[in-house]
C-alpha atoms as a PDB file:
ATOM      1  CA  MET A   1     163.215 124.925 159.021  1.00  0.00           C
ATOM      2  CA  ILE A   2     161.165 124.566 155.940  1.00  0.00           C
ATOM      3  CA  VAL A   3     157.554 125.869 155.767  1.00  0.00           C
ATOM      4  CA  SER A   4     155.505 124.614 152.853  1.00  0.00           C
ATOM      5  CA  PHE A   5     151.973 125.187 151.764  1.00  0.00           C
ATOM      6  CA  LEU A   6     149.721 124.708 148.699  1.00  0.00           C
ATOM      7  CA  ASN A   7     147.589 127.426 147.388  1.00  0.00           C
ATOM      8  CA  VAL A   8     145.002 126.398 144.930  1.00  0.00           C
ATOM      9  CA  PHE A   9     142.916 128.957 142.966  1.00  0.00           C
ATOM     10  CA  SER A  10     141.553 129.539 139.398  1.00  0.00           C
ATOM     11  CA  GLY A  11     142.518 125.936 138.389  1.00  0.00           C
ATOM     12  CA  MET A  12     146.210 126.578 139.077  1.00  0.00           C
ATOM     13  CA  ALA A  13     148.272 125.419 141.996  1.00  0.00           C
ATOM     14  CA  GLU A  14     151.313 127.050 143.527  1.00  0.00           C
ATOM     15  CA  ARG A  15     153.615 125.440 146.097  1.00  0.00           C
ATOM     16  CA  PHE A  16     155.677 127.722 148.274  1.00  0.00           C
ATOM     17  CA  GLU A  17     158.565 126.659 150.503  1.00  0.00           C
ATOM     18  CA  SER A  18     160.406 128.973 152.808  1.00  0.00           C
ATOM     19  CA  GLU A  19     163.718 128.432 154.426  1.00  0.00           C
ATOM     20  CA  ASP A  20     165.512 130.688 156.944  1.00  0.00           C
ATOM     21  CA  PHE A  21     167.203 132.588 154.022  1.00  0.00           C
ATOM     22  CA  GLY A  22     163.779 133.510 152.596  1.00  0.00           C
ATOM     23  CA  LEU A  23     163.601 131.524 149.337  1.00  0.00           C
ATOM     24  CA  TYR A  24     160.135 130.828 147.962  1.00  0.00           C
ATOM     25  CA  ALA A  25     159.584 128.304 145.256  1.00  0.00           C
ATOM     26  CA  GLY A  26     156.591 128.051 143.190  1.00  0.00           C
ATOM     27  CA  ARG A  27     155.356 125.173 140.994  1.00  0.00           C
ATOM     28  CA  ILE A  28     152.945 126.877 138.589  1.00  0.00           C
ATOM     29  CA  MET A  29     150.733 124.443 136.755  1.00  0.00           C
ATOM     30  CA  THR A  30     149.129 125.741 133.551  1.00  0.00           C
ATOM     31  CA  SER A  31     146.960 123.667 131.245  1.00  0.00           C
ATOM     32  CA  LYS A  32     149.736 121.221 130.364  1.00  0.00           C
ATOM     33  CA  ARG A  33     152.984 122.423 131.708  1.00  0.00           C
ATOM     34  CA  VAL A  34     154.626 122.699 135.035  1.00  0.00           C
ATOM     35  CA  LEU A  35     156.831 125.786 135.492  1.00  0.00           C
ATOM     36  CA  GLU A  36     159.427 126.086 138.193  1.00  0.00           C
ATOM     37  CA  TYR A  37     160.251 129.517 139.509  1.00  0.00           C
ATOM     38  CA  LYS A  38     161.971 130.574 142.711  1.00  0.00           C
ATOM     39  CA  THR A  39     161.671 133.983 144.292  1.00  0.00           C
ATOM     40  CA  THR A  40     163.046 135.757 147.393  1.00  0.00           C
ATOM     41  CA  VAL A  41     159.943 137.889 147.780  1.00  0.00           C
ATOM     42  CA  ALA A  42     158.399 137.245 151.279  1.00  0.00           C
ATOM     43  CA  ASP A  43     155.506 139.707 150.995  1.00  0.00           C
ATOM     44  CA  GLU A  44     152.416 137.736 150.000  1.00  0.00           C
ATOM     45  CA  HIS A  45     151.116 140.512 147.697  1.00  0.00           C
ATOM     46  CA  TRP A  46     154.402 141.012 145.877  1.00  0.00           C
ATOM     47  CA  ARG A  47     154.909 137.305 145.683  1.00  0.00           C
ATOM     48  CA  SER A  48     151.369 136.754 144.137  1.00  0.00           C
ATOM     49  CA  GLU A  49     152.188 139.612 141.598  1.00  0.00           C
ATOM     50  CA  GLU A  50     155.490 137.929 140.782  1.00  0.00           C
ATOM     51  CA  PHE A  51     153.897 134.461 140.240  1.00  0.00           C
ATOM     52  CA  GLN A  52     151.264 136.037 138.010  1.00  0.00           C
ATOM     53  CA  TRP A  53     153.997 137.664 135.942  1.00  0.00           C
ATOM     54  CA  ALA A  54     155.766 134.312 135.604  1.00  0.00           C
ATOM     55  CA  ARG A  55     152.506 132.714 134.454  1.00  0.00           C
ATOM     56  CA  ILE A  56     151.866 135.427 131.834  1.00  0.00           C
ATOM     57  CA  LEU A  57     155.472 135.416 130.618  1.00  0.00           C
ATOM     58  CA  SER A  58     155.516 131.619 130.253  1.00  0.00           C
ATOM     59  CA  SER A  59     152.177 131.386 128.539  1.00  0.00           C
ATOM     60  CA  GLY A  60     153.796 131.504 125.127  1.00  0.00           C
ATOM     61  CA  ASN A  61     152.035 134.697 124.078  1.00  0.00           C
ATOM     62  CA  ALA A  62     154.780 137.190 123.311  1.00  0.00           C
ATOM     63  CA  ALA A  63     152.301 140.120 122.953  1.00  0.00           C
ATOM     64  CA  LYS A  64     150.938 139.610 126.412  1.00  0.00           C
ATOM     65  CA  GLY A  65     154.433 139.300 127.697  1.00  0.00           C
ATOM     66  CA  MET A  66     155.457 142.566 126.078  1.00  0.00           C
ATOM     67  CA  VAL A  67     152.397 144.369 127.433  1.00  0.00           C
ATOM     68  CA  LEU A  68     153.246 143.094 130.881  1.00  0.00           C
ATOM     69  CA  LEU A  69     156.807 144.381 130.499  1.00  0.00           C
ATOM     70  CA  TYR A  70     155.659 147.862 129.406  1.00  0.00           C
ATOM     71  CA  ILE A  71     152.930 147.980 132.188  1.00  0.00           C
ATOM     72  CA  GLN A  72     155.599 147.180 134.756  1.00  0.00           C
ATOM     73  CA  LYS A  73     157.945 149.869 133.409  1.00  0.00           C
ATOM     74  CA  ALA A  74     155.244 152.531 133.539  1.00  0.00           C
ATOM     75  CA  CYS A  75     154.085 151.479 136.937  1.00  0.00           C
ATOM     76  CA  THR A  76     157.654 151.612 138.187  1.00  0.00           C
ATOM     77  CA  ALA A  77     158.167 155.060 136.670  1.00  0.00           C
ATOM     78  CA  PHE A  78     155.120 156.254 138.665  1.00  0.00           C
ATOM     79  CA  HIS A  79     156.123 154.526 141.843  1.00  0.00           C
ATOM     80  CA  GLU A  80     159.645 156.027 141.748  1.00  0.00           C
ATOM     81  CA  PHE A  81     158.378 159.530 140.727  1.00  0.00           C
ATOM     82  CA  GLU A  82     155.924 159.933 143.578  1.00  0.00           C
ATOM     83  CA  PRO A  83     158.350 159.398 146.555  1.00  0.00           C
ATOM     84  CA  ALA A  84     160.967 161.509 144.755  1.00  0.00           C
ATOM     85  CA  LEU A  85     158.435 164.336 144.609  1.00  0.00           C
ATOM     86  CA  LYS A  86     157.445 163.940 148.191  1.00  0.00           C
ATOM     87  CA  GLN A  87     161.137 163.900 149.325  1.00  0.00           C
ATOM     88  CA  GLY A  88     161.719 167.275 147.559  1.00  0.00           C
ATOM     89  CA  ALA A  89     164.080 165.771 144.917  1.00  0.00           C
ATOM     90  CA  LEU A  90     162.124 167.305 142.043  1.00  0.00           C
ATOM     91  CA  LYS A  91     161.491 170.917 141.121  1.00  0.00           C
ATOM     92  CA  GLN A  92     158.003 172.136 140.002  1.00  0.00           C
ATOM     93  CA  GLY A  93     159.493 173.615 136.879  1.00  0.00           C
ATOM     94  CA  GLN A  94     160.099 170.098 135.607  1.00  0.00           C
ATOM     95  CA  VAL A  95     156.369 169.331 134.980  1.00  0.00           C
ATOM     96  CA  ASP A  96     156.727 169.320 131.202  1.00  0.00           C
ATOM     97  CA  PHE A  97     159.609 166.918 131.280  1.00  0.00           C
ATOM     98  CA  PHE A  98     157.829 164.405 133.541  1.00  0.00           C
ATOM     99  CA  ARG A  99     154.540 164.726 131.875  1.00  0.00           C
ATOM    100  CA  ARG A 100     156.094 163.876 128.490  1.00  0.00           C
ATOM    101  CA  ARG A 101     158.105 160.983 129.974  1.00  0.00           C
ATOM    102  CA  LEU A 102     155.129 159.446 131.727  1.00  0.00           C
ATOM    103  CA  ALA A 103     152.760 160.044 128.955  1.00  0.00           C
ATOM    104  CA  LYS A 104     155.180 158.349 126.492  1.00  0.00           C
ATOM    105  CA  ARG A 105     155.286 155.267 128.765  1.00  0.00           C
ATOM    106  CA  VAL A 106     151.503 154.930 128.985  1.00  0.00           C
ATOM    107  CA  ALA A 107     150.913 155.680 125.343  1.00  0.00           C
ATOM    108  CA  HIS A 108     153.455 152.999 124.491  1.00  0.00           C
ATOM    109  CA  ILE A 109     151.489 150.397 126.436  1.00  0.00           C
ATOM    110  CA  LEU A 110     148.223 151.452 124.644  1.00  0.00           C
ATOM    111  CA  ASP A 111     149.967 151.318 121.195  1.00  0.00           C
ATOM    112  CA  THR A 112     151.375 147.833 121.842  1.00  0.00           C
ATOM    113  CA  MET A 113     147.972 146.631 122.994  1.00  0.00           C
ATOM    114  CA  LYS A 114     146.200 148.043 119.949  1.00  0.00           C
ATOM    115  CA  ASN A 115     148.887 146.646 117.641  1.00  0.00           C
ATOM    116  CA  ASN A 116     148.292 143.209 119.042  1.00  0.00           C
ATOM    117  CA  GLY A 117     144.450 143.178 119.519  1.00  0.00           C
ATOM    118  CA  LEU A 118     144.613 143.700 123.239  1.00  0.00           C
ATOM    119  CA  ASP A 119     143.106 147.187 123.319  1.00  0.00           C
ATOM    120  CA  LYS A 120     139.658 146.054 124.378  1.00  0.00           C
ATOM    121  CA  ILE A 121     140.567 143.997 127.473  1.00  0.00           C
ATOM    122  CA  ASN A 122     139.394 145.060 130.925  1.00  0.00           C
ATOM    123  CA  GLY A 123     141.555 147.861 132.066  1.00  0.00           C
ATOM    124  CA  ALA A 124     142.328 149.430 128.681  1.00  0.00           C
ATOM    125  CA  ALA A 125     139.822 152.309 129.169  1.00  0.00           C
ATOM    126  CA  ASP A 126     141.344 152.980 132.639  1.00  0.00           C
ATOM    127  CA  LEU A 127     144.779 153.283 131.023  1.00  0.00           C
ATOM    128  CA  GLU A 128     143.349 155.590 128.364  1.00  0.00           C
ATOM    129  CA  GLY A 129     141.982 157.813 131.194  1.00  0.00           C
ATOM    130  CA  ILE A 130     145.366 157.867 132.919  1.00  0.00           C
ATOM    131  CA  LEU A 131     147.013 158.917 129.686  1.00  0.00           C
ATOM    132  CA  ARG A 132     144.541 161.864 129.368  1.00  0.00           C
ATOM    133  CA  ALA A 133     145.165 162.830 132.989  1.00  0.00           C
ATOM    134  CA  VAL A 134     148.980 162.716 132.544  1.00  0.00           C
ATOM    135  CA  GLU A 135     148.718 164.764 129.323  1.00  0.00           C
ATOM    136  CA  SER A 136     146.533 167.456 130.967  1.00  0.00           C
ATOM    137  CA  ALA A 137     148.384 167.610 134.310  1.00  0.00           C
ATOM    138  CA  THR A 138     149.734 171.056 135.175  1.00  0.00           C
ATOM    139  CA  THR A 139     151.628 170.254 138.246  1.00  0.00           C
ATOM    140  CA  LEU A 140     153.932 167.485 139.483  1.00  0.00           C
ATOM    141  CA  ASP A 141     151.473 166.831 142.375  1.00  0.00           C
ATOM    142  CA  GLU A 142     148.772 166.087 139.843  1.00  0.00           C
ATOM    143  CA  LEU A 143     151.154 163.548 138.128  1.00  0.00           C
ATOM    144  CA  ALA A 144     152.006 161.950 141.496  1.00  0.00           C
ATOM    145  CA  GLU A 145     148.301 161.638 142.376  1.00  0.00           C
ATOM    146  CA  LEU A 146     148.021 159.221 139.411  1.00  0.00           C
ATOM    147  CA  THR A 147     150.290 156.572 140.932  1.00  0.00           C
ATOM    148  CA  GLU A 148     147.668 154.613 142.674  1.00  0.00           C
ATOM    149  CA  LYS A 149     145.413 154.815 139.629  1.00  0.00           C
ATOM    150  CA  MET A 150     148.245 153.324 137.572  1.00  0.00           C
ATOM    151  CA  HIS A 151     148.917 150.658 140.123  1.00  0.00           C
ATOM    152  CA  SER A 152     145.234 149.695 140.084  1.00  0.00           C
ATOM    153  CA  ALA A 153     145.068 149.673 136.275  1.00  0.00           C
ATOM    154  CA  ASN A 154     148.152 147.512 136.318  1.00  0.00           C
ATOM    155  CA  HIS A 155     146.407 144.848 138.388  1.00  0.00           C
ATOM    156  CA  THR A 156     143.264 144.965 136.234  1.00  0.00           C
ATOM    157  CA  LEU A 157     145.216 144.678 132.987  1.00  0.00           C
ATOM    158  CA  LEU A 158     147.356 141.796 134.252  1.00  0.00           C
ATOM    159  CA  ASP A 159     144.309 139.923 135.459  1.00  0.00           C
ATOM    160  CA  SER A 160     142.855 140.410 132.001  1.00  0.00           C
ATOM    161  CA  LEU A 161     145.910 139.317 130.256  1.00  0.00           C
ATOM    162  CA  GLU A 162     146.082 136.167 132.377  1.00  0.00           C
ATOM    163  CA  LYS A 163     142.500 135.226 131.859  1.00  0.00           C
ATOM    164  CA  GLY A 164     142.243 136.016 128.088  1.00  0.00           C
END
């Protein structure tokens, strides 16, 4: 059984097909190119994110692609850190270690954005605020509480990268 639908938004069209084994194919149309990409992501939110990443990465702008990569690395670090803390896998005495690691990831995004003229896009100020909060955190719980802020900033920044 194949399920197919066309989703049109923002002047771009994506076609998804699903077979029993869960393959989703997207035809991403940018201004003059058609890009083929297949994913196994069934969740609509994740699939939309993944197709956004594909559009940014295939835009031909290396700086935007690298910023996307660094944003995803930082967001993943936060998303792995938070459940590890909740499951008791981390010790409170490790706050300095994790604060330095997470701050380094966020600072690297900001440095890359500044070096490539992307430091004024929507979401950059949010990321600067997250960096300040990471640097001033005194507990692992404070760091974990930043996960959703990082995720939200991720979406804002990627929307800005795609539009700009």
